[in-house]
PDB file of N, CA and C in Angstrom:
ATOM      1  N   MET A   1     -21.647 -18.098 -50.939  1.00  0.00           N
ATOM      2  CA  MET A   1     -21.814 -17.406 -49.465  1.00  0.00           C
ATOM      3  C   MET A   1     -20.909 -16.303 -49.373  1.00  0.00           C
ATOM      4  N   SER A   2     -21.637 -15.396 -48.808  1.00  0.00           N
ATOM      5  CA  SER A   2     -21.104 -14.250 -48.767  1.00  0.00           C
ATOM      6  C   SER A   2     -19.848 -13.937 -47.940  1.00  0.00           C
ATOM      7  N   ARG A   3     -18.590 -13.372 -48.104  1.00  0.00           N
ATOM      8  CA  ARG A   3     -17.450 -13.105 -46.975  1.00  0.00           C
ATOM      9  C   ARG A   3     -17.974 -12.309 -45.632  1.00  0.00           C
ATOM     10  N   GLY A   4     -18.793 -11.700 -46.141  1.00  0.00           N
ATOM     11  CA  GLY A   4     -19.338 -10.742 -44.853  1.00  0.00           C
ATOM     12  C   GLY A   4     -19.553 -11.068 -43.553  1.00  0.00           C
ATOM     13  N   ARG A   5     -19.633 -10.313 -42.758  1.00  0.00           N
ATOM     14  CA  ARG A   5     -19.854 -10.208 -41.156  1.00  0.00           C
ATOM     15  C   ARG A   5     -20.445 -11.591 -40.764  1.00  0.00           C
ATOM     16  N   ASN A   6     -19.908 -12.782 -39.723  1.00  0.00           N
ATOM     17  CA  ASN A   6     -20.814 -13.320 -39.615  1.00  0.00           C
ATOM     18  C   ASN A   6     -22.062 -12.874 -38.746  1.00  0.00           C
ATOM     19  N   ARG A   7     -23.408 -13.478 -38.718  1.00  0.00           N
ATOM     20  CA  ARG A   7     -24.200 -12.704 -37.316  1.00  0.00           C
ATOM     21  C   ARG A   7     -23.860 -13.314 -36.269  1.00  0.00           C
ATOM     22  N   TRP A   8     -23.075 -14.597 -36.231  1.00  0.00           N
ATOM     23  CA  TRP A   8     -22.985 -15.428 -35.411  1.00  0.00           C
ATOM     24  C   TRP A   8     -21.390 -15.165 -34.636  1.00  0.00           C
ATOM     25  N   SER A   9     -21.004 -14.102 -34.863  1.00  0.00           N
ATOM     26  CA  SER A   9     -19.450 -14.387 -34.736  1.00  0.00           C
ATOM     27  C   SER A   9     -19.154 -14.229 -33.188  1.00  0.00           C
ATOM     28  N   TRP A  10     -17.905 -14.330 -32.463  1.00  0.00           N
ATOM     29  CA  TRP A  10     -17.783 -14.637 -31.212  1.00  0.00           C
ATOM     30  C   TRP A  10     -18.092 -13.344 -30.486  1.00  0.00           C
ATOM     31  N   SER A  11     -18.502 -12.128 -31.187  1.00  0.00           N
ATOM     32  CA  SER A  11     -18.319 -10.993 -30.284  1.00  0.00           C
ATOM     33  C   SER A  11     -19.869 -10.312 -29.914  1.00  0.00           C
ATOM     34  N   SER A  12     -20.605 -10.903 -30.697  1.00  0.00           N
ATOM     35  CA  SER A  12     -22.124 -11.077 -30.251  1.00  0.00           C
ATOM     36  C   SER A  12     -22.146 -12.433 -29.372  1.00  0.00           C
ATOM     37  N   HIS A  13     -21.006 -13.489 -29.268  1.00  0.00           N
ATOM     38  CA  HIS A  13     -21.803 -14.506 -27.774  1.00  0.00           C
ATOM     39  C   HIS A  13     -21.077 -14.183 -26.600  1.00  0.00           C
ATOM     40  N   ARG A  14     -20.155 -13.333 -26.271  1.00  0.00           N
ATOM     41  CA  ARG A  14     -19.147 -12.509 -25.599  1.00  0.00           C
ATOM     42  C   ARG A  14     -20.315 -12.530 -24.322  1.00  0.00           C
ATOM     43  N   ARG A  15     -20.352 -13.192 -23.173  1.00  0.00           N
ATOM     44  CA  ARG A  15     -20.674 -13.308 -22.182  1.00  0.00           C
ATOM     45  C   ARG A  15     -21.157 -12.451 -20.638  1.00  0.00           C
ATOM     46  N   ARG A  16     -21.540 -11.598 -20.763  1.00  0.00           N
ATOM     47  CA  ARG A  16     -21.169 -10.676 -19.608  1.00  0.00           C
ATOM     48  C   ARG A  16     -20.640 -11.021 -18.391  1.00  0.00           C
ATOM     49  N   ARG A  17     -20.035 -10.808 -17.986  1.00  0.00           N
ATOM     50  CA  ARG A  17     -18.861 -10.820 -16.787  1.00  0.00           C
ATOM     51  C   ARG A  17     -20.063 -10.433 -15.324  1.00  0.00           C
ATOM     52  N   HIS A  18     -21.023 -11.280 -14.619  1.00  0.00           N
ATOM     53  CA  HIS A  18     -21.244 -10.772 -13.512  1.00  0.00           C
ATOM     54  C   HIS A  18     -20.050 -10.321 -12.613  1.00  0.00           C
ATOM     55  N   SER A  19     -21.153  -9.369 -12.046  1.00  0.00           N
ATOM     56  CA  SER A  19     -20.109  -8.524 -11.052  1.00  0.00           C
ATOM     57  C   SER A  19     -20.381  -9.523  -9.063  1.00  0.00           C
ATOM     58  N   LEU A  20     -19.426  -9.728  -8.863  1.00  0.00           N
ATOM     59  CA  LEU A  20     -19.114 -10.090  -7.849  1.00  0.00           C
ATOM     60  C   LEU A  20     -18.586  -8.715  -6.085  1.00  0.00           C
ATOM     61  N   SER A  21     -19.660  -9.501  -5.311  1.00  0.00           N
ATOM     62  CA  SER A  21     -19.466  -9.117  -4.803  1.00  0.00           C
ATOM     63  C   SER A  21     -17.897  -8.545  -3.572  1.00  0.00           C
ATOM     64  N   ARG A  22     -17.494  -7.960  -2.903  1.00  0.00           N
ATOM     65  CA  ARG A  22     -16.351  -8.058  -2.025  1.00  0.00           C
ATOM     66  C   ARG A  22     -16.241  -9.062  -1.159  1.00  0.00           C
ATOM     67  N   SER A  23     -17.419  -9.241  -0.477  1.00  0.00           N
ATOM     68  CA  SER A  23     -17.223 -10.455   0.349  1.00  0.00           C
ATOM     69  C   SER A  23     -17.475 -11.470  -0.486  1.00  0.00           C
ATOM     70  N   THR A  24     -18.023 -11.628  -2.001  1.00  0.00           N
ATOM     71  CA  THR A  24     -17.471 -13.104  -2.638  1.00  0.00           C
ATOM     72  C   THR A  24     -16.518 -13.064  -2.491  1.00  0.00           C
ATOM     73  N   ARG A  25     -15.945 -11.996  -3.279  1.00  0.00           N
ATOM     74  CA  ARG A  25     -14.121 -12.210  -3.724  1.00  0.00           C
ATOM     75  C   ARG A  25     -13.188 -12.456  -2.703  1.00  0.00           C
ATOM     76  N   ALA A  26     -13.435 -11.705  -1.366  1.00  0.00           N
ATOM     77  CA  ALA A  26     -12.924 -12.455  -0.086  1.00  0.00           C
ATOM     78  C   ALA A  26     -12.867 -13.571  -0.132  1.00  0.00           C
ATOM     79  N   GLU A  27     -13.721 -14.219  -0.238  1.00  0.00           N
ATOM     80  CA  GLU A  27     -14.609 -15.569   0.121  1.00  0.00           C
ATOM     81  C   GLU A  27     -14.674 -15.773   1.882  1.00  0.00           C
ATOM     82  N   LEU A  28     -15.558 -14.805   1.969  1.00  0.00           N
ATOM     83  CA  LEU A  28     -15.810 -14.053   3.524  1.00  0.00           C
ATOM     84  C   LEU A  28     -17.617 -13.799   3.814  1.00  0.00           C
ATOM     85  N   GLN A  29     -18.509 -14.590   4.258  1.00  0.00           N
ATOM     86  CA  GLN A  29     -19.863 -14.852   4.431  1.00  0.00           C
ATOM     87  C   GLN A  29     -20.372 -13.123   5.038  1.00  0.00           C
ATOM     88  N   PHE A  30     -19.421 -12.813   5.877  1.00  0.00           N
ATOM     89  CA  PHE A  30     -19.824 -11.332   6.687  1.00  0.00           C
ATOM     90  C   PHE A  30     -19.927  -9.982   5.318  1.00  0.00           C
ATOM     91  N   PRO A  31     -20.743  -9.068   5.332  1.00  0.00           N
ATOM     92  CA  PRO A  31     -20.405  -8.446   4.778  1.00  0.00           C
ATOM     93  C   PRO A  31     -19.965  -6.973   4.015  1.00  0.00           C
ATOM     94  N   VAL A  32     -18.897  -7.027   3.825  1.00  0.00           N
ATOM     95  CA  VAL A  32     -17.736  -6.150   3.421  1.00  0.00           C
ATOM     96  C   VAL A  32     -17.937  -4.681   3.131  1.00  0.00           C
ATOM     97  N   SER A  33     -19.317  -4.562   1.997  1.00  0.00           N
ATOM     98  CA  SER A  33     -19.535  -3.304   1.511  1.00  0.00           C
ATOM     99  C   SER A  33     -20.737  -2.389   3.073  1.00  0.00           C
ATOM    100  N   ARG A  34     -21.088  -3.564   3.635  1.00  0.00           N
ATOM    101  CA  ARG A  34     -21.743  -2.857   4.685  1.00  0.00           C
ATOM    102  C   ARG A  34     -20.655  -2.980   5.777  1.00  0.00           C
ATOM    103  N   LEU A  35     -20.169  -3.260   6.010  1.00  0.00           N
ATOM    104  CA  LEU A  35     -19.383  -2.258   7.292  1.00  0.00           C
ATOM    105  C   LEU A  35     -17.957  -1.287   6.602  1.00  0.00           C
ATOM    106  N   ASP A  36     -17.719  -1.218   4.916  1.00  0.00           N
ATOM    107  CA  ASP A  36     -16.774  -0.346   4.654  1.00  0.00           C
ATOM    108  C   ASP A  36     -17.822   1.315   4.457  1.00  0.00           C
ATOM    109  N   ARG A  37     -19.169   1.195   4.341  1.00  0.00           N
ATOM    110  CA  ARG A  37     -20.437   2.106   4.437  1.00  0.00           C
ATOM    111  C   ARG A  37     -20.357   2.966   5.834  1.00  0.00           C
ATOM    112  N   LEU A  38     -20.243   1.750   7.070  1.00  0.00           N
ATOM    113  CA  LEU A  38     -20.273   2.246   8.326  1.00  0.00           C
ATOM    114  C   LEU A  38     -19.324   2.512   8.855  1.00  0.00           C
ATOM    115  N   LEU A  39     -17.676   2.425   8.122  1.00  0.00           N
ATOM    116  CA  LEU A  39     -16.759   2.741   8.714  1.00  0.00           C
ATOM    117  C   LEU A  39     -16.485   3.918   8.110  1.00  0.00           C
ATOM    118  N   ARG A  40     -17.146   4.275   7.187  1.00  0.00           N
ATOM    119  CA  ARG A  40     -16.707   5.150   6.188  1.00  0.00           C
ATOM    120  C   ARG A  40     -17.619   6.835   6.997  1.00  0.00           C
ATOM    121  N   LEU A  41     -18.372   6.450   7.896  1.00  0.00           N
ATOM    122  CA  LEU A  41     -20.020   6.851   8.666  1.00  0.00           C
ATOM    123  C   LEU A  41     -18.322   7.577   9.860  1.00  0.00           C
ATOM    124  N   GLY A  42     -17.536   6.958  10.462  1.00  0.00           N
ATOM    125  CA  GLY A  42     -16.996   7.686  11.184  1.00  0.00           C
ATOM    126  C   GLY A  42     -15.677   8.911  11.090  1.00  0.00           C
ATOM    127  N   PRO A  43     -15.235   9.705  12.441  1.00  0.00           N
ATOM    128  CA  PRO A  43     -14.681  10.516  12.570  1.00  0.00           C
ATOM    129  C   PRO A  43     -13.106  10.187  10.998  1.00  0.00           C
ATOM    130  N   ASN A  44     -12.954   9.092  11.197  1.00  0.00           N
ATOM    131  CA  ASN A  44     -11.225   9.104  10.445  1.00  0.00           C
ATOM    132  C   ASN A  44     -11.434   8.216   9.433  1.00  0.00           C
ATOM    133  N   ALA A  45     -12.396   8.583   8.589  1.00  0.00           N
ATOM    134  CA  ALA A  45     -12.811   7.971   6.555  1.00  0.00           C
ATOM    135  C   ALA A  45     -11.527   8.100   5.999  1.00  0.00           C
ATOM    136  N   GLN A  46     -10.987   8.894   6.047  1.00  0.00           N
ATOM    137  CA  GLN A  46      -9.937   9.918   5.464  1.00  0.00           C
ATOM    138  C   GLN A  46      -8.335   8.963   5.445  1.00  0.00           C
ATOM    139  N   ARG A  47      -8.832   7.870   7.036  1.00  0.00           N
ATOM    140  CA  ARG A  47      -7.334   7.033   7.049  1.00  0.00           C
ATOM    141  C   ARG A  47      -7.243   5.698   6.941  1.00  0.00           C
ATOM    142  N   LEU A  48      -8.852   5.429   6.253  1.00  0.00           N
ATOM    143  CA  LEU A  48      -9.106   3.881   5.886  1.00  0.00           C
ATOM    144  C   LEU A  48      -8.296   3.348   4.370  1.00  0.00           C
ATOM    145  N   SER A  49      -8.094   2.263   4.835  1.00  0.00           N
ATOM    146  CA  SER A  49      -7.778   1.581   3.276  1.00  0.00           C
ATOM    147  C   SER A  49      -8.316   0.777   2.757  1.00  0.00           C
ATOM    148  N   SER A  50      -8.248   0.518   1.486  1.00  0.00           N
ATOM    149  CA  SER A  50      -9.408  -0.098   1.178  1.00  0.00           C
ATOM    150  C   SER A  50      -9.563  -1.407   1.504  1.00  0.00           C
ATOM    151  N   SER A  51      -8.516  -1.935   2.116  1.00  0.00           N
ATOM    152  CA  SER A  51      -8.819  -3.032   2.114  1.00  0.00           C
ATOM    153  C   SER A  51      -9.265  -2.804   3.993  1.00  0.00           C
ATOM    154  N   THR A  52      -9.447  -2.149   4.686  1.00  0.00           N
ATOM    155  CA  THR A  52      -9.689  -2.339   6.161  1.00  0.00           C
ATOM    156  C   THR A  52     -10.750  -3.157   6.134  1.00  0.00           C
ATOM    157  N   PRO A  53     -12.598  -3.052   5.552  1.00  0.00           N
ATOM    158  CA  PRO A  53     -13.228  -3.418   5.627  1.00  0.00           C
ATOM    159  C   PRO A  53     -12.858  -4.960   5.502  1.00  0.00           C
ATOM    160  N   ILE A  54     -12.100  -5.768   4.411  1.00  0.00           N
ATOM    161  CA  ILE A  54     -12.047  -6.753   4.459  1.00  0.00           C
ATOM    162  C   ILE A  54     -11.696  -7.241   5.645  1.00  0.00           C
ATOM    163  N   PHE A  55     -10.204  -6.890   6.126  1.00  0.00           N
ATOM    164  CA  PHE A  55     -10.162  -6.990   6.892  1.00  0.00           C
ATOM    165  C   PHE A  55     -10.396  -7.855   8.516  1.00  0.00           C
ATOM    166  N   LEU A  56     -11.368  -6.186   8.764  1.00  0.00           N
ATOM    167  CA  LEU A  56     -12.584  -6.500   9.602  1.00  0.00           C
ATOM    168  C   LEU A  56     -13.570  -7.661   9.549  1.00  0.00           C
ATOM    169  N   ALA A  57     -14.007  -7.741   8.120  1.00  0.00           N
ATOM    170  CA  ALA A  57     -15.236  -8.693   8.180  1.00  0.00           C
ATOM    171  C   ALA A  57     -14.295  -9.901   8.159  1.00  0.00           C
ATOM    172  N   GLY A  58     -13.000 -10.699   8.101  1.00  0.00           N
ATOM    173  CA  GLY A  58     -12.026 -11.316   7.951  1.00  0.00           C
ATOM    174  C   GLY A  58     -12.523 -11.461   9.262  1.00  0.00           C
ATOM    175  N   ILE A  59     -11.703 -10.502  10.335  1.00  0.00           N
ATOM    176  CA  ILE A  59     -11.930 -10.801  11.782  1.00  0.00           C
ATOM    177  C   ILE A  59     -12.890 -11.149  12.697  1.00  0.00           C
ATOM    178  N   LEU A  60     -14.232 -10.659  12.489  1.00  0.00           N
ATOM    179  CA  LEU A  60     -15.386 -10.555  12.676  1.00  0.00           C
ATOM    180  C   LEU A  60     -15.740 -12.268  12.861  1.00  0.00           C
ATOM    181  N   GLU A  61     -15.570 -12.193  11.324  1.00  0.00           N
ATOM    182  CA  GLU A  61     -16.236 -13.788  10.851  1.00  0.00           C
ATOM    183  C   GLU A  61     -15.523 -15.087  11.923  1.00  0.00           C
ATOM    184  N   TYR A  62     -14.122 -14.223  11.720  1.00  0.00           N
ATOM    185  CA  TYR A  62     -13.491 -15.909  12.801  1.00  0.00           C
ATOM    186  C   TYR A  62     -13.957 -15.650  13.876  1.00  0.00           C
ATOM    187  N   LEU A  63     -13.185 -14.794  14.473  1.00  0.00           N
ATOM    188  CA  LEU A  63     -14.097 -14.854  16.230  1.00  0.00           C
ATOM    189  C   LEU A  63     -15.712 -15.273  16.398  1.00  0.00           C
ATOM    190  N   THR A  64     -16.866 -14.956  15.332  1.00  0.00           N
ATOM    191  CA  THR A  64     -17.937 -15.642  15.189  1.00  0.00           C
ATOM    192  C   THR A  64     -17.706 -16.864  14.977  1.00  0.00           C
ATOM    193  N   ALA A  65     -17.287 -17.550  14.225  1.00  0.00           N
ATOM    194  CA  ALA A  65     -17.314 -18.579  14.171  1.00  0.00           C
ATOM    195  C   ALA A  65     -16.617 -19.839  15.377  1.00  0.00           C
ATOM    196  N   HIS A  66     -15.577 -19.227  15.575  1.00  0.00           N
ATOM    197  CA  HIS A  66     -15.003 -19.884  17.112  1.00  0.00           C
ATOM    198  C   HIS A  66     -15.745 -19.925  17.949  1.00  0.00           C
ATOM    199  N   ILE A  67     -16.574 -18.697  18.447  1.00  0.00           N
ATOM    200  CA  ILE A  67     -17.253 -18.436  19.834  1.00  0.00           C
ATOM    201  C   ILE A  67     -18.828 -19.913  19.096  1.00  0.00           C
ATOM    202  N   LEU A  68     -19.179 -19.611  18.118  1.00  0.00           N
ATOM    203  CA  LEU A  68     -20.301 -20.589  17.867  1.00  0.00           C
ATOM    204  C   LEU A  68     -19.338 -22.096  18.067  1.00  0.00           C
ATOM    205  N   ASP A  69     -18.079 -22.341  17.438  1.00  0.00           N
ATOM    206  CA  ASP A  69     -17.500 -24.182  17.329  1.00  0.00           C
ATOM    207  C   ASP A  69     -17.860 -23.953  19.048  1.00  0.00           C
ATOM    208  N   LEU A  70     -17.102 -22.760  20.269  1.00  0.00           N
ATOM    209  CA  LEU A  70     -17.004 -23.294  21.751  1.00  0.00           C
ATOM    210  C   LEU A  70     -19.134 -23.179  22.170  1.00  0.00           C
ATOM    211  N   ALA A  71     -19.484 -22.742  21.478  1.00  0.00           N
ATOM    212  CA  ALA A  71     -20.865 -22.791  21.985  1.00  0.00           C
ATOM    213  C   ALA A  71     -21.379 -23.996  21.388  1.00  0.00           C
ATOM    214  N   GLY A  72     -21.386 -24.701  20.678  1.00  0.00           N
ATOM    215  CA  GLY A  72     -21.595 -25.863  20.205  1.00  0.00           C
ATOM    216  C   GLY A  72     -21.124 -27.077  20.624  1.00  0.00           C
ATOM    217  N   VAL A  73     -20.007 -26.606  21.130  1.00  0.00           N
ATOM    218  CA  VAL A  73     -19.473 -28.114  22.198  1.00  0.00           C
ATOM    219  C   VAL A  73     -19.774 -27.762  23.722  1.00  0.00           C
ATOM    220  N   GLU A  74     -20.398 -26.809  23.583  1.00  0.00           N
ATOM    221  CA  GLU A  74     -20.769 -26.802  25.410  1.00  0.00           C
ATOM    222  C   GLU A  74     -22.026 -27.277  25.588  1.00  0.00           C
ATOM    223  N   ALA A  75     -23.268 -27.014  23.783  1.00  0.00           N
ATOM    224  CA  ALA A  75     -24.418 -27.407  24.039  1.00  0.00           C
ATOM    225  C   ALA A  75     -24.704 -29.043  23.816  1.00  0.00           C
ATOM    226  N   ARG A  76     -23.707 -29.648  22.804  1.00  0.00           N
ATOM    227  CA  ARG A  76     -23.191 -31.380  22.952  1.00  0.00           C
ATOM    228  C   ARG A  76     -22.723 -31.948  24.007  1.00  0.00           C
ATOM    229  N   SER A  77     -21.871 -31.345  25.758  1.00  0.00           N
ATOM    230  CA  SER A  77     -21.921 -31.473  26.367  1.00  0.00           C
ATOM    231  C   SER A  77     -23.082 -31.355  27.419  1.00  0.00           C
ATOM    232  N   SER A  78     -24.312 -30.484  27.461  1.00  0.00           N
ATOM    233  CA  SER A  78     -25.502 -30.437  27.757  1.00  0.00           C
ATOM    234  C   SER A  78     -26.353 -31.527  27.141  1.00  0.00           C
ATOM    235  N   HIS A  79     -25.872 -31.966  26.296  1.00  0.00           N
ATOM    236  CA  HIS A  79     -26.705 -33.505  25.126  1.00  0.00           C
ATOM    237  C   HIS A  79     -27.791 -32.149  24.767  1.00  0.00           C
ATOM    238  N   ASP A  80     -27.490 -31.211  24.267  1.00  0.00           N
ATOM    239  CA  ASP A  80     -28.505 -30.089  23.597  1.00  0.00           C
ATOM    240  C   ASP A  80     -28.443 -30.487  21.797  1.00  0.00           C
ATOM    241  N   VAL A  81     -29.589 -30.184  20.658  1.00  0.00           N
ATOM    242  CA  VAL A  81     -29.377 -30.006  20.255  1.00  0.00           C
ATOM    243  C   VAL A  81     -28.621 -28.670  19.555  1.00  0.00           C
ATOM    244  N   ARG A  82     -29.865 -27.503  19.963  1.00  0.00           N
ATOM    245  CA  ARG A  82     -29.643 -26.241  19.429  1.00  0.00           C
ATOM    246  C   ARG A  82     -28.824 -24.952  20.164  1.00  0.00           C
ATOM    247  N   ILE A  83     -27.908 -24.623  19.999  1.00  0.00           N
ATOM    248  CA  ILE A  83     -27.430 -23.266  20.327  1.00  0.00           C
ATOM    249  C   ILE A  83     -28.050 -22.368  20.924  1.00  0.00           C
ATOM    250  N   THR A  84     -27.895 -22.391  22.884  1.00  0.00           N
ATOM    251  CA  THR A  84     -28.868 -21.104  23.294  1.00  0.00           C
ATOM    252  C   THR A  84     -28.147 -20.299  24.003  1.00  0.00           C
ATOM    253  N   PRO A  85     -28.380 -19.083  24.402  1.00  0.00           N
ATOM    254  CA  PRO A  85     -27.434 -17.928  24.633  1.00  0.00           C
ATOM    255  C   PRO A  85     -27.370 -18.877  25.835  1.00  0.00           C
ATOM    256  N   GLU A  86     -27.362 -19.230  26.443  1.00  0.00           N
ATOM    257  CA  GLU A  86     -26.484 -19.815  27.634  1.00  0.00           C
ATOM    258  C   GLU A  86     -24.657 -20.468  27.577  1.00  0.00           C
ATOM    259  N   HIS A  87     -25.753 -20.898  26.406  1.00  0.00           N
ATOM    260  CA  HIS A  87     -24.063 -21.970  25.669  1.00  0.00           C
ATOM    261  C   HIS A  87     -23.556 -20.805  24.886  1.00  0.00           C
ATOM    262  N   VAL A  88     -23.488 -19.970  24.876  1.00  0.00           N
ATOM    263  CA  VAL A  88     -22.766 -19.055  24.448  1.00  0.00           C
ATOM    264  C   VAL A  88     -22.315 -18.129  25.493  1.00  0.00           C
ATOM    265  N   GLN A  89     -23.286 -18.338  26.138  1.00  0.00           N
ATOM    266  CA  GLN A  89     -22.197 -17.139  27.764  1.00  0.00           C
ATOM    267  C   GLN A  89     -21.245 -18.314  28.427  1.00  0.00           C
ATOM    268  N   ARG A  90     -21.946 -19.605  27.709  1.00  0.00           N
ATOM    269  CA  ARG A  90     -20.827 -20.530  29.113  1.00  0.00           C
ATOM    270  C   ARG A  90     -19.369 -20.599  28.119  1.00  0.00           C
ATOM    271  N   ALA A  91     -19.691 -20.602  26.743  1.00  0.00           N
ATOM    272  CA  ALA A  91     -18.632 -20.885  26.259  1.00  0.00           C
ATOM    273  C   ALA A  91     -17.579 -19.869  26.324  1.00  0.00           C
ATOM    274  N   LEU A  92     -17.749 -18.541  26.625  1.00  0.00           N
ATOM    275  CA  LEU A  92     -17.321 -17.053  26.451  1.00  0.00           C
ATOM    276  C   LEU A  92     -16.480 -16.824  28.179  1.00  0.00           C
ATOM    277  N   ASP A  93     -17.286 -17.566  29.006  1.00  0.00           N
ATOM    278  CA  ASP A  93     -16.596 -17.371  30.819  1.00  0.00           C
ATOM    279  C   ASP A  93     -15.660 -18.575  30.755  1.00  0.00           C
ATOM    280  N   ASN A  94     -15.929 -19.898  29.503  1.00  0.00           N
ATOM    281  CA  ASN A  94     -14.768 -20.423  30.123  1.00  0.00           C
ATOM    282  C   ASN A  94     -13.405 -20.585  28.980  1.00  0.00           C
ATOM    283  N   HIS A  95     -13.255 -19.398  28.336  1.00  0.00           N
ATOM    284  CA  HIS A  95     -12.394 -19.452  27.510  1.00  0.00           C
ATOM    285  C   HIS A  95     -11.992 -18.504  28.004  1.00  0.00           C
ATOM    286  N   GLU A  96     -10.106 -18.768  28.416  1.00  0.00           N
ATOM    287  CA  GLU A  96      -9.495 -17.492  28.662  1.00  0.00           C
ATOM    288  C   GLU A  96      -9.471 -16.554  28.183  1.00  0.00           C
ATOM    289  N   TYR A  97      -9.384 -16.471  26.908  1.00  0.00           N
ATOM    290  CA  TYR A  97      -8.728 -15.181  26.249  1.00  0.00           C
ATOM    291  C   TYR A  97     -10.278 -14.204  25.940  1.00  0.00           C
ATOM    292  N   LEU A  98     -11.292 -14.869  25.446  1.00  0.00           N
ATOM    293  CA  LEU A  98     -12.229 -14.888  25.089  1.00  0.00           C
ATOM    294  C   LEU A  98     -13.207 -14.225  26.774  1.00  0.00           C
ATOM    295  N   SER A  99     -12.980 -14.443  27.803  1.00  0.00           N
ATOM    296  CA  SER A  99     -13.533 -14.363  28.840  1.00  0.00           C
ATOM    297  C   SER A  99     -13.081 -12.784  28.651  1.00  0.00           C
ATOM    298  N   ARG A 100     -11.794 -12.935  28.558  1.00  0.00           N
ATOM    299  CA  ARG A 100     -11.066 -11.215  28.996  1.00  0.00           C
ATOM    300  C   ARG A 100     -11.250 -10.001  28.161  1.00  0.00           C
ATOM    301  N   LEU A 101     -11.383 -10.568  26.931  1.00  0.00           N
ATOM    302  CA  LEU A 101     -12.605  -9.848  25.852  1.00  0.00           C
ATOM    303  C   LEU A 101     -13.062  -9.275  25.738  1.00  0.00           C
ATOM    304  N   PHE A 102     -14.299  -9.956  27.031  1.00  0.00           N
ATOM    305  CA  PHE A 102     -15.589  -9.423  26.476  1.00  0.00           C
ATOM    306  C   PHE A 102     -16.266  -9.379  28.126  1.00  0.00           C
ATOM    307  N   GLN A 103     -14.674  -8.787  28.878  1.00  0.00           N
ATOM    308  CA  GLN A 103     -15.586  -8.279  29.821  1.00  0.00           C
ATOM    309  C   GLN A 103     -15.824  -6.946  29.907  1.00  0.00           C
ATOM    310  N   PRO A 104     -16.266  -6.428  31.620  1.00  0.00           N
ATOM    311  CA  PRO A 104     -16.925  -4.681  31.266  1.00  0.00           C
ATOM    312  C   PRO A 104     -15.594  -3.899  32.120  1.00  0.00           C
ATOM    313  N   GLY A 105     -14.769  -3.155  30.595  1.00  0.00           N
ATOM    314  CA  GLY A 105     -13.692  -2.337  30.869  1.00  0.00           C
ATOM    315  C   GLY A 105     -12.847  -2.966  30.381  1.00  0.00           C
ATOM    316  N   ALA A 106     -13.132  -3.740  29.442  1.00  0.00           N
ATOM    317  CA  ALA A 106     -11.860  -4.447  28.583  1.00  0.00           C
ATOM    318  C   ALA A 106     -11.158  -3.821  27.534  1.00  0.00           C
ATOM    319  N   PHE A 107     -11.911  -2.184  26.746  1.00  0.00           N
ATOM    320  CA  PHE A 107     -11.743  -0.841  26.026  1.00  0.00           C
ATOM    321  C   PHE A 107     -12.090   0.300  26.845  1.00  0.00           C
ATOM    322  N   PRO A 108     -11.418   0.816  27.425  1.00  0.00           N
ATOM    323  CA  PRO A 108     -11.433   1.822  28.327  1.00  0.00           C
ATOM    324  C   PRO A 108     -11.316   2.562  27.200  1.00  0.00           C
ATOM    325  N   ARG A 109     -12.603   4.166  27.287  1.00  0.00           N
ATOM    326  CA  ARG A 109     -12.670   4.956  26.390  1.00  0.00           C
ATOM    327  C   ARG A 109     -11.788   6.229  27.043  1.00  0.00           C
ATOM    328  N   VAL A 110     -11.500   6.576  25.737  1.00  0.00           N
ATOM    329  CA  VAL A 110     -10.640   8.189  26.119  1.00  0.00           C
ATOM    330  C   VAL A 110     -11.274   9.158  25.893  1.00  0.00           C
ATOM    331  N   SER A 111     -11.595  10.291  27.369  1.00  0.00           N
ATOM    332  CA  SER A 111     -12.481  11.222  26.990  1.00  0.00           C
ATOM    333  C   SER A 111     -11.982  12.309  25.555  1.00  0.00           C
ATOM    334  N   ALA A 112     -11.275  12.203  25.485  1.00  0.00           N
ATOM    335  CA  ALA A 112     -10.419  13.646  25.390  1.00  0.00           C
ATOM    336  C   ALA A 112      -9.288  13.446  24.582  1.00  0.00           C
ATOM    337  N   MET A 113      -8.854  13.710  23.477  1.00  0.00           N
ATOM    338  CA  MET A 113      -7.772  13.274  23.051  1.00  0.00           C
ATOM    339  C   MET A 113      -6.732  14.365  23.312  1.00  0.00           C
ATOM    340  N   PRO A 114      -5.476  13.467  23.178  1.00  0.00           N
ATOM    341  CA  PRO A 114      -4.450  14.393  23.956  1.00  0.00           C
ATOM    342  C   PRO A 114      -3.925  15.584  22.887  1.00  0.00           C
ATOM    343  N   VAL A 115      -3.653  16.293  23.194  1.00  0.00           N
ATOM    344  CA  VAL A 115      -3.047  17.717  22.141  1.00  0.00           C
ATOM    345  C   VAL A 115      -1.796  17.719  22.154  1.00  0.00           C
ATOM    346  N   PRO A 116      -1.313  17.799  20.990  1.00  0.00           N
ATOM    347  CA  PRO A 116       0.145  18.307  20.938  1.00  0.00           C
ATOM    348  C   PRO A 116       0.939  19.525  21.395  1.00  0.00           C
ATOM    349  N   GLU A 117       2.156  19.490  22.197  1.00  0.00           N
ATOM    350  CA  GLU A 117       2.899  20.649  22.881  1.00  0.00           C
ATOM    351  C   GLU A 117       3.114  21.555  22.097  1.00  0.00           C
ATOM    352  N   ASP A 118       3.204  21.691  20.762  1.00  0.00           N
ATOM    353  CA  ASP A 118       3.316  22.451  20.328  1.00  0.00           C
ATOM    354  C   ASP A 118       2.671  23.231  19.953  1.00  0.00           C
ATOM    355  N   ARG A 119       0.801  22.504  20.122  1.00  0.00           N
ATOM    356  CA  ARG A 119      -0.311  23.316  20.009  1.00  0.00           C
ATOM    357  C   ARG A 119      -0.953  24.402  20.537  1.00  0.00           C
ATOM    358  N   LEU A 120      -0.254  24.000  21.959  1.00  0.00           N
ATOM    359  CA  LEU A 120      -0.510  24.251  23.362  1.00  0.00           C
ATOM    360  C   LEU A 120      -0.507  26.254  23.138  1.00  0.00           C
TER     361      LEU A 120
END
């Protein structure tokens, strides 16, 4: 038997590692790449860190899970199996902080950006 190159060497058996999405790497259900794409469409795209969409996806996932958990408690208290929009609304109204977060006018819009005095 020749000592030449074995055709079953380890180099030919290396498996290519499948690429993992950023959502999978961060162990999130919300789409990190989609949030990144949508954030980059805004006017402050140059100011974004590479971890910004990951944190935003985590925050949105946490808020959604918390709201659905509260809505599930509301559904169980009314002897329902399914969560309906009414259960979500009741859960938001009954929670102290979430009711303030989702009030109209909770986030006031700024009509114009303030101009620094040295540019006047």
